[in-house]
PDB file of N, CA and C in Angstrom:
ATOM      1  N   MET A   1     -43.212  31.201 -22.615  1.00  0.00           N
ATOM      2  CA  MET A   1     -44.495  31.161 -23.279  1.00  0.00           C
ATOM      3  C   MET A   1     -45.556  31.760 -22.361  1.00  0.00           C
ATOM      4  N   ASN A   2     -46.442  32.515 -22.935  1.00  0.00           N
ATOM      5  CA  ASN A   2     -47.544  33.123 -22.193  1.00  0.00           C
ATOM      6  C   ASN A   2     -48.535  32.063 -21.747  1.00  0.00           C
ATOM      7  N   GLU A   3     -49.093  32.260 -20.577  1.00  0.00           N
ATOM      8  CA  GLU A   3     -50.150  31.382 -20.087  1.00  0.00           C
ATOM      9  C   GLU A   3     -51.411  32.191 -19.844  1.00  0.00           C
ATOM     10  N   LEU A   4     -52.523  31.651 -20.298  1.00  0.00           N
ATOM     11  CA  LEU A   4     -53.830  32.229 -20.008  1.00  0.00           C
ATOM     12  C   LEU A   4     -54.502  31.314 -19.001  1.00  0.00           C
ATOM     13  N   LYS A   5     -55.169  31.903 -18.005  1.00  0.00           N
ATOM     14  CA  LYS A   5     -55.881  31.116 -16.996  1.00  0.00           C
ATOM     15  C   LYS A   5     -57.343  31.550 -16.980  1.00  0.00           C
ATOM     16  N   PHE A   6     -58.217  30.556 -16.916  1.00  0.00           N
ATOM     17  CA  PHE A   6     -59.649  30.793 -16.950  1.00  0.00           C
ATOM     18  C   PHE A   6     -60.337  30.043 -15.825  1.00  0.00           C
ATOM     19  N   LYS A   7     -61.341  30.677 -15.229  1.00  0.00           N
ATOM     20  CA  LYS A   7     -62.252  30.004 -14.315  1.00  0.00           C
ATOM     21  C   LYS A   7     -63.276  29.305 -15.209  1.00  0.00           C
ATOM     22  N   THR A   8     -63.520  28.018 -14.960  1.00  0.00           N
ATOM     23  CA  THR A   8     -64.444  27.264 -15.812  1.00  0.00           C
ATOM     24  C   THR A   8     -65.437  26.465 -14.973  1.00  0.00           C
ATOM     25  N   ASN A   9     -66.341  25.800 -15.666  1.00  0.00           N
ATOM     26  CA  ASN A   9     -67.229  24.845 -15.006  1.00  0.00           C
ATOM     27  C   ASN A   9     -66.933  23.424 -15.499  1.00  0.00           C
ATOM     28  N   ILE A  10     -65.688  23.195 -15.894  1.00  0.00           N
ATOM     29  CA  ILE A  10     -65.208  21.860 -16.264  1.00  0.00           C
ATOM     30  C   ILE A  10     -64.819  21.182 -14.951  1.00  0.00           C
ATOM     31  N   ASN A  11     -65.674  20.268 -14.455  1.00  0.00           N
ATOM     32  CA  ASN A  11     -65.450  19.810 -13.085  1.00  0.00           C
ATOM     33  C   ASN A  11     -65.188  18.328 -12.890  1.00  0.00           C
ATOM     34  N   CYS A  12     -65.051  17.567 -13.971  1.00  0.00           N
ATOM     35  CA  CYS A  12     -64.801  16.136 -13.785  1.00  0.00           C
ATOM     36  C   CYS A  12     -64.106  15.553 -15.011  1.00  0.00           C
ATOM     37  N   GLY A  13     -63.740  14.302 -14.904  1.00  0.00           N
ATOM     38  CA  GLY A  13     -63.081  13.628 -16.012  1.00  0.00           C
ATOM     39  C   GLY A  13     -63.946  13.538 -17.258  1.00  0.00           C
ATOM     40  N   GLY A  14     -65.245  13.374 -17.064  1.00  0.00           N
ATOM     41  CA  GLY A  14     -66.166  13.323 -18.201  1.00  0.00           C
ATOM     42  C   GLY A  14     -66.210  14.651 -18.940  1.00  0.00           C
ATOM     43  N   CYS A  15     -66.194  15.737 -18.176  1.00  0.00           N
ATOM     44  CA  CYS A  15     -66.179  17.080 -18.776  1.00  0.00           C
ATOM     45  C   CYS A  15     -64.885  17.291 -19.570  1.00  0.00           C
ATOM     46  N   ILE A  16     -63.783  16.849 -18.986  1.00  0.00           N
ATOM     47  CA  ILE A  16     -62.493  16.988 -19.668  1.00  0.00           C
ATOM     48  C   ILE A  16     -62.510  16.189 -20.968  1.00  0.00           C
ATOM     49  N   ALA A  17     -63.084  14.998 -20.933  1.00  0.00           N
ATOM     50  CA  ALA A  17     -63.172  14.176 -22.144  1.00  0.00           C
ATOM     51  C   ALA A  17     -63.981  14.887 -23.231  1.00  0.00           C
ATOM     52  N   ARG A  18     -65.043  15.595 -22.842  1.00  0.00           N
ATOM     53  CA  ARG A  18     -65.866  16.312 -23.820  1.00  0.00           C
ATOM     54  C   ARG A  18     -65.130  17.482 -24.456  1.00  0.00           C
ATOM     55  N   VAL A  19     -64.328  18.205 -23.678  1.00  0.00           N
ATOM     56  CA  VAL A  19     -63.657  19.386 -24.229  1.00  0.00           C
ATOM     57  C   VAL A  19     -62.334  19.061 -24.917  1.00  0.00           C
ATOM     58  N   THR A  20     -61.771  17.888 -24.641  1.00  0.00           N
ATOM     59  CA  THR A  20     -60.444  17.548 -25.158  1.00  0.00           C
ATOM     60  C   THR A  20     -60.303  17.725 -26.669  1.00  0.00           C
ATOM     61  N   PRO A  21     -61.186  17.163 -27.506  1.00  0.00           N
ATOM     62  CA  PRO A  21     -60.969  17.329 -28.946  1.00  0.00           C
ATOM     63  C   PRO A  21     -61.049  18.793 -29.395  1.00  0.00           C
ATOM     64  N   PHE A  22     -61.890  19.559 -28.747  1.00  0.00           N
ATOM     65  CA  PHE A  22     -62.056  20.964 -29.115  1.00  0.00           C
ATOM     66  C   PHE A  22     -60.839  21.792 -28.702  1.00  0.00           C
ATOM     67  N   LEU A  23     -60.365  21.585 -27.486  1.00  0.00           N
ATOM     68  CA  LEU A  23     -59.188  22.333 -27.028  1.00  0.00           C
ATOM     69  C   LEU A  23     -57.918  21.876 -27.749  1.00  0.00           C
ATOM     70  N   ASN A  24     -57.812  20.590 -28.026  1.00  0.00           N
ATOM     71  CA  ASN A  24     -56.642  20.115 -28.773  1.00  0.00           C
ATOM     72  C   ASN A  24     -56.593  20.764 -30.156  1.00  0.00           C
ATOM     73  N   LYS A  25     -57.742  20.890 -30.784  1.00  0.00           N
ATOM     74  CA  LYS A  25     -57.797  21.520 -32.111  1.00  0.00           C
ATOM     75  C   LYS A  25     -57.483  23.017 -32.023  1.00  0.00           C
ATOM     76  N   ALA A  26     -57.996  23.672 -31.000  1.00  0.00           N
ATOM     77  CA  ALA A  26     -57.846  25.127 -30.876  1.00  0.00           C
ATOM     78  C   ALA A  26     -56.453  25.547 -30.416  1.00  0.00           C
ATOM     79  N   VAL A  27     -55.882  24.840 -29.446  1.00  0.00           N
ATOM     80  CA  VAL A  27     -54.606  25.285 -28.862  1.00  0.00           C
ATOM     81  C   VAL A  27     -53.483  24.271 -28.979  1.00  0.00           C
ATOM     82  N   GLY A  28     -53.810  23.066 -29.401  1.00  0.00           N
ATOM     83  CA  GLY A  28     -52.787  22.038 -29.550  1.00  0.00           C
ATOM     84  C   GLY A  28     -52.749  21.098 -28.358  1.00  0.00           C
ATOM     85  N   GLU A  29     -52.512  19.850 -28.664  1.00  0.00           N
ATOM     86  CA  GLU A  29     -52.413  18.830 -27.624  1.00  0.00           C
ATOM     87  C   GLU A  29     -51.252  19.172 -26.686  1.00  0.00           C
ATOM     88  N   ASN A  30     -51.441  18.935 -25.419  1.00  0.00           N
ATOM     89  CA  ASN A  30     -50.439  19.211 -24.378  1.00  0.00           C
ATOM     90  C   ASN A  30     -50.197  20.700 -24.131  1.00  0.00           C
ATOM     91  N   ASN A  31     -51.033  21.575 -24.670  1.00  0.00           N
ATOM     92  CA  ASN A  31     -50.900  23.017 -24.430  1.00  0.00           C
ATOM     93  C   ASN A  31     -51.962  23.527 -23.467  1.00  0.00           C
ATOM     94  N   TRP A  32     -52.687  22.632 -22.826  1.00  0.00           N
ATOM     95  CA  TRP A  32     -53.719  23.054 -21.886  1.00  0.00           C
ATOM     96  C   TRP A  32     -53.880  21.993 -20.792  1.00  0.00           C
ATOM     97  N   LYS A  33     -54.428  22.444 -19.665  1.00  0.00           N
ATOM     98  CA  LYS A  33     -54.756  21.533 -18.566  1.00  0.00           C
ATOM     99  C   LYS A  33     -55.832  22.174 -17.719  1.00  0.00           C
ATOM    100  N   VAL A  34     -56.607  21.346 -17.039  1.00  0.00           N
ATOM    101  CA  VAL A  34     -57.656  21.826 -16.142  1.00  0.00           C
ATOM    102  C   VAL A  34     -57.370  21.276 -14.755  1.00  0.00           C
ATOM    103  N   ASP A  35     -57.362  22.163 -13.768  1.00  0.00           N
ATOM    104  CA  ASP A  35     -57.189  21.747 -12.374  1.00  0.00           C
ATOM    105  C   ASP A  35     -58.568  21.657 -11.741  1.00  0.00           C
ATOM    106  N   THR A  36     -59.111  20.445 -11.699  1.00  0.00           N
ATOM    107  CA  THR A  36     -60.455  20.255 -11.139  1.00  0.00           C
ATOM    108  C   THR A  36     -60.447  20.154  -9.617  1.00  0.00           C
ATOM    109  N   SER A  37     -59.263  20.209  -9.005  1.00  0.00           N
ATOM    110  CA  SER A  37     -59.181  20.100  -7.550  1.00  0.00           C
ATOM    111  C   SER A  37     -59.379  21.436  -6.845  1.00  0.00           C
ATOM    112  N   VAL A  38     -59.407  22.539  -7.591  1.00  0.00           N
ATOM    113  CA  VAL A  38     -59.633  23.861  -6.998  1.00  0.00           C
ATOM    114  C   VAL A  38     -61.055  24.322  -7.310  1.00  0.00           C
ATOM    115  N   ALA A  39     -61.572  25.189  -6.475  1.00  0.00           N
ATOM    116  CA  ALA A  39     -62.967  25.636  -6.607  1.00  0.00           C
ATOM    117  C   ALA A  39     -63.264  26.289  -7.960  1.00  0.00           C
ATOM    118  N   ASP A  40     -62.295  27.030  -8.511  1.00  0.00           N
ATOM    119  CA  ASP A  40     -62.528  27.732  -9.776  1.00  0.00           C
ATOM    120  C   ASP A  40     -62.325  26.864 -11.012  1.00  0.00           C
ATOM    121  N   LYS A  41     -61.922  25.585 -10.827  1.00  0.00           N
ATOM    122  CA  LYS A  41     -61.711  24.667 -11.958  1.00  0.00           C
ATOM    123  C   LYS A  41     -60.890  25.351 -13.047  1.00  0.00           C
ATOM    124  N   VAL A  42     -59.667  25.715 -12.715  1.00  0.00           N
ATOM    125  CA  VAL A  42     -58.835  26.577 -13.549  1.00  0.00           C
ATOM    126  C   VAL A  42     -58.290  25.842 -14.775  1.00  0.00           C
ATOM    127  N   LEU A  43     -58.604  26.419 -15.931  1.00  0.00           N
ATOM    128  CA  LEU A  43     -58.060  25.973 -17.208  1.00  0.00           C
ATOM    129  C   LEU A  43     -56.852  26.839 -17.510  1.00  0.00           C
ATOM    130  N   THR A  44     -55.702  26.212 -17.736  1.00  0.00           N
ATOM    131  CA  THR A  44     -54.478  26.925 -18.083  1.00  0.00           C
ATOM    132  C   THR A  44     -54.113  26.566 -19.513  1.00  0.00           C
ATOM    133  N   ILE A  45     -53.882  27.605 -20.321  1.00  0.00           N
ATOM    134  CA  ILE A  45     -53.529  27.406 -21.719  1.00  0.00           C
ATOM    135  C   ILE A  45     -52.174  28.044 -21.975  1.00  0.00           C
ATOM    136  N   ALA A  46     -51.277  27.275 -22.580  1.00  0.00           N
ATOM    137  CA  ALA A  46     -49.945  27.762 -22.945  1.00  0.00           C
ATOM    138  C   ALA A  46     -49.864  27.791 -24.469  1.00  0.00           C
ATOM    139  N   ASN A  47     -50.346  28.869 -25.051  1.00  0.00           N
ATOM    140  CA  ASN A  47     -50.346  29.035 -26.505  1.00  0.00           C
ATOM    141  C   ASN A  47     -50.428  30.520 -26.787  1.00  0.00           C
ATOM    142  N   GLU A  48     -49.470  31.046 -27.507  1.00  0.00           N
ATOM    143  CA  GLU A  48     -49.427  32.483 -27.741  1.00  0.00           C
ATOM    144  C   GLU A  48     -50.297  32.937 -28.900  1.00  0.00           C
ATOM    145  N   GLU A  49     -50.857  31.998 -29.645  1.00  0.00           N
ATOM    146  CA  GLU A  49     -51.607  32.370 -30.834  1.00  0.00           C
ATOM    147  C   GLU A  49     -53.112  32.473 -30.622  1.00  0.00           C
ATOM    148  N   ILE A  50     -53.619  31.951 -29.525  1.00  0.00           N
ATOM    149  CA  ILE A  50     -55.063  31.993 -29.289  1.00  0.00           C
ATOM    150  C   ILE A  50     -55.405  33.156 -28.366  1.00  0.00           C
ATOM    151  N   THR A  51     -56.550  33.770 -28.611  1.00  0.00           N
ATOM    152  CA  THR A  51     -56.988  34.880 -27.773  1.00  0.00           C
ATOM    153  C   THR A  51     -57.956  34.358 -26.710  1.00  0.00           C
ATOM    154  N   PRO A  52     -58.104  35.098 -25.624  1.00  0.00           N
ATOM    155  CA  PRO A  52     -59.087  34.707 -24.609  1.00  0.00           C
ATOM    156  C   PRO A  52     -60.495  34.553 -25.190  1.00  0.00           C
ATOM    157  N   VAL A  53     -60.866  35.417 -26.118  1.00  0.00           N
ATOM    158  CA  VAL A  53     -62.191  35.344 -26.742  1.00  0.00           C
ATOM    159  C   VAL A  53     -62.356  34.013 -27.476  1.00  0.00           C
ATOM    160  N   ASP A  54     -61.304  33.571 -28.160  1.00  0.00           N
ATOM    161  CA  ASP A  54     -61.357  32.295 -28.876  1.00  0.00           C
ATOM    162  C   ASP A  54     -61.531  31.120 -27.918  1.00  0.00           C
ATOM    163  N   VAL A  55     -60.880  31.181 -26.761  1.00  0.00           N
ATOM    164  CA  VAL A  55     -61.009  30.119 -25.765  1.00  0.00           C
ATOM    165  C   VAL A  55     -62.446  30.059 -25.268  1.00  0.00           C
ATOM    166  N   VAL A  56     -63.016  31.207 -24.937  1.00  0.00           N
ATOM    167  CA  VAL A  56     -64.395  31.262 -24.446  1.00  0.00           C
ATOM    168  C   VAL A  56     -65.348  30.699 -25.501  1.00  0.00           C
ATOM    169  N   LYS A  57     -65.158  31.085 -26.766  1.00  0.00           N
ATOM    170  CA  LYS A  57     -66.021  30.588 -27.852  1.00  0.00           C
ATOM    171  C   LYS A  57     -65.879  29.083 -28.026  1.00  0.00           C
ATOM    172  N   THR A  58     -64.668  28.581 -27.940  1.00  0.00           N
ATOM    173  CA  THR A  58     -64.427  27.145 -28.094  1.00  0.00           C
ATOM    174  C   THR A  58     -65.159  26.356 -27.021  1.00  0.00           C
ATOM    175  N   LEU A  59     -65.038  26.791 -25.773  1.00  0.00           N
ATOM    176  CA  LEU A  59     -65.711  26.071 -24.688  1.00  0.00           C
ATOM    177  C   LEU A  59     -67.228  26.214 -24.770  1.00  0.00           C
ATOM    178  N   LYS A  60     -67.697  27.356 -25.207  1.00  0.00           N
ATOM    179  CA  LYS A  60     -69.138  27.573 -25.323  1.00  0.00           C
ATOM    180  C   LYS A  60     -69.755  26.600 -26.334  1.00  0.00           C
ATOM    181  N   GLN A  61     -69.001  26.272 -27.393  1.00  0.00           N
ATOM    182  CA  GLN A  61     -69.476  25.304 -28.397  1.00  0.00           C
ATOM    183  C   GLN A  61     -69.809  23.962 -27.770  1.00  0.00           C
ATOM    184  N   VAL A  62     -69.105  23.604 -26.713  1.00  0.00           N
ATOM    185  CA  VAL A  62     -69.278  22.310 -26.066  1.00  0.00           C
ATOM    186  C   VAL A  62     -70.191  22.409 -24.841  1.00  0.00           C
ATOM    187  N   GLY A  63     -70.655  23.613 -24.524  1.00  0.00           N
ATOM    188  CA  GLY A  63     -71.575  23.782 -23.408  1.00  0.00           C
ATOM    189  C   GLY A  63     -70.929  24.164 -22.095  1.00  0.00           C
ATOM    190  N   PHE A  64     -69.695  24.660 -22.150  1.00  0.00           N
ATOM    191  CA  PHE A  64     -69.009  25.075 -20.934  1.00  0.00           C
ATOM    192  C   PHE A  64     -68.742  26.565 -20.958  1.00  0.00           C
ATOM    193  N   MET A  65     -68.510  27.122 -19.775  1.00  0.00           N
ATOM    194  CA  MET A  65     -68.191  28.543 -19.685  1.00  0.00           C
ATOM    195  C   MET A  65     -66.743  28.705 -19.259  1.00  0.00           C
ATOM    196  N   ALA A  66     -66.192  29.860 -19.628  1.00  0.00           N
ATOM    197  CA  ALA A  66     -64.838  30.214 -19.208  1.00  0.00           C
ATOM    198  C   ALA A  66     -64.782  31.716 -18.977  1.00  0.00           C
ATOM    199  N   GLU A  67     -64.120  32.105 -17.905  1.00  0.00           N
ATOM    200  CA  GLU A  67     -63.950  33.522 -17.560  1.00  0.00           C
ATOM    201  C   GLU A  67     -62.471  33.748 -17.313  1.00  0.00           C
ATOM    202  N   LEU A  68     -61.878  34.682 -18.058  1.00  0.00           N
ATOM    203  CA  LEU A  68     -60.462  34.968 -17.934  1.00  0.00           C
ATOM    204  C   LEU A  68     -60.124  35.457 -16.527  1.00  0.00           C
ATOM    205  N   LEU A  69     -59.110  34.862 -15.931  1.00  0.00           N
ATOM    206  CA  LEU A  69     -58.634  35.310 -14.628  1.00  0.00           C
ATOM    207  C   LEU A  69     -57.491  36.278 -14.836  1.00  0.00           C
ATOM    208  N   SER A  70     -57.450  37.340 -14.037  1.00  0.00           N
ATOM    209  CA  SER A  70     -56.385  38.327 -14.221  1.00  0.00           C
ATOM    210  C   SER A  70     -55.158  37.990 -13.414  1.00  0.00           C
TER     211      SER A  70
END
């Protein structure tokens, strides 16, 4: 399965709680995770049907940013 990785500003458990319903709806439960222990707060998505643009739009709805990592 393809993985998309994004640099985000999701930096704590409260932030994760805010984005959870939106990301679960967009990519499916258990198809994403955020590593808040690294400086870039990397969001990893394992879903072949969503585009990077859709991920950015989804997070923007909740007030967060995401930048695709190459």
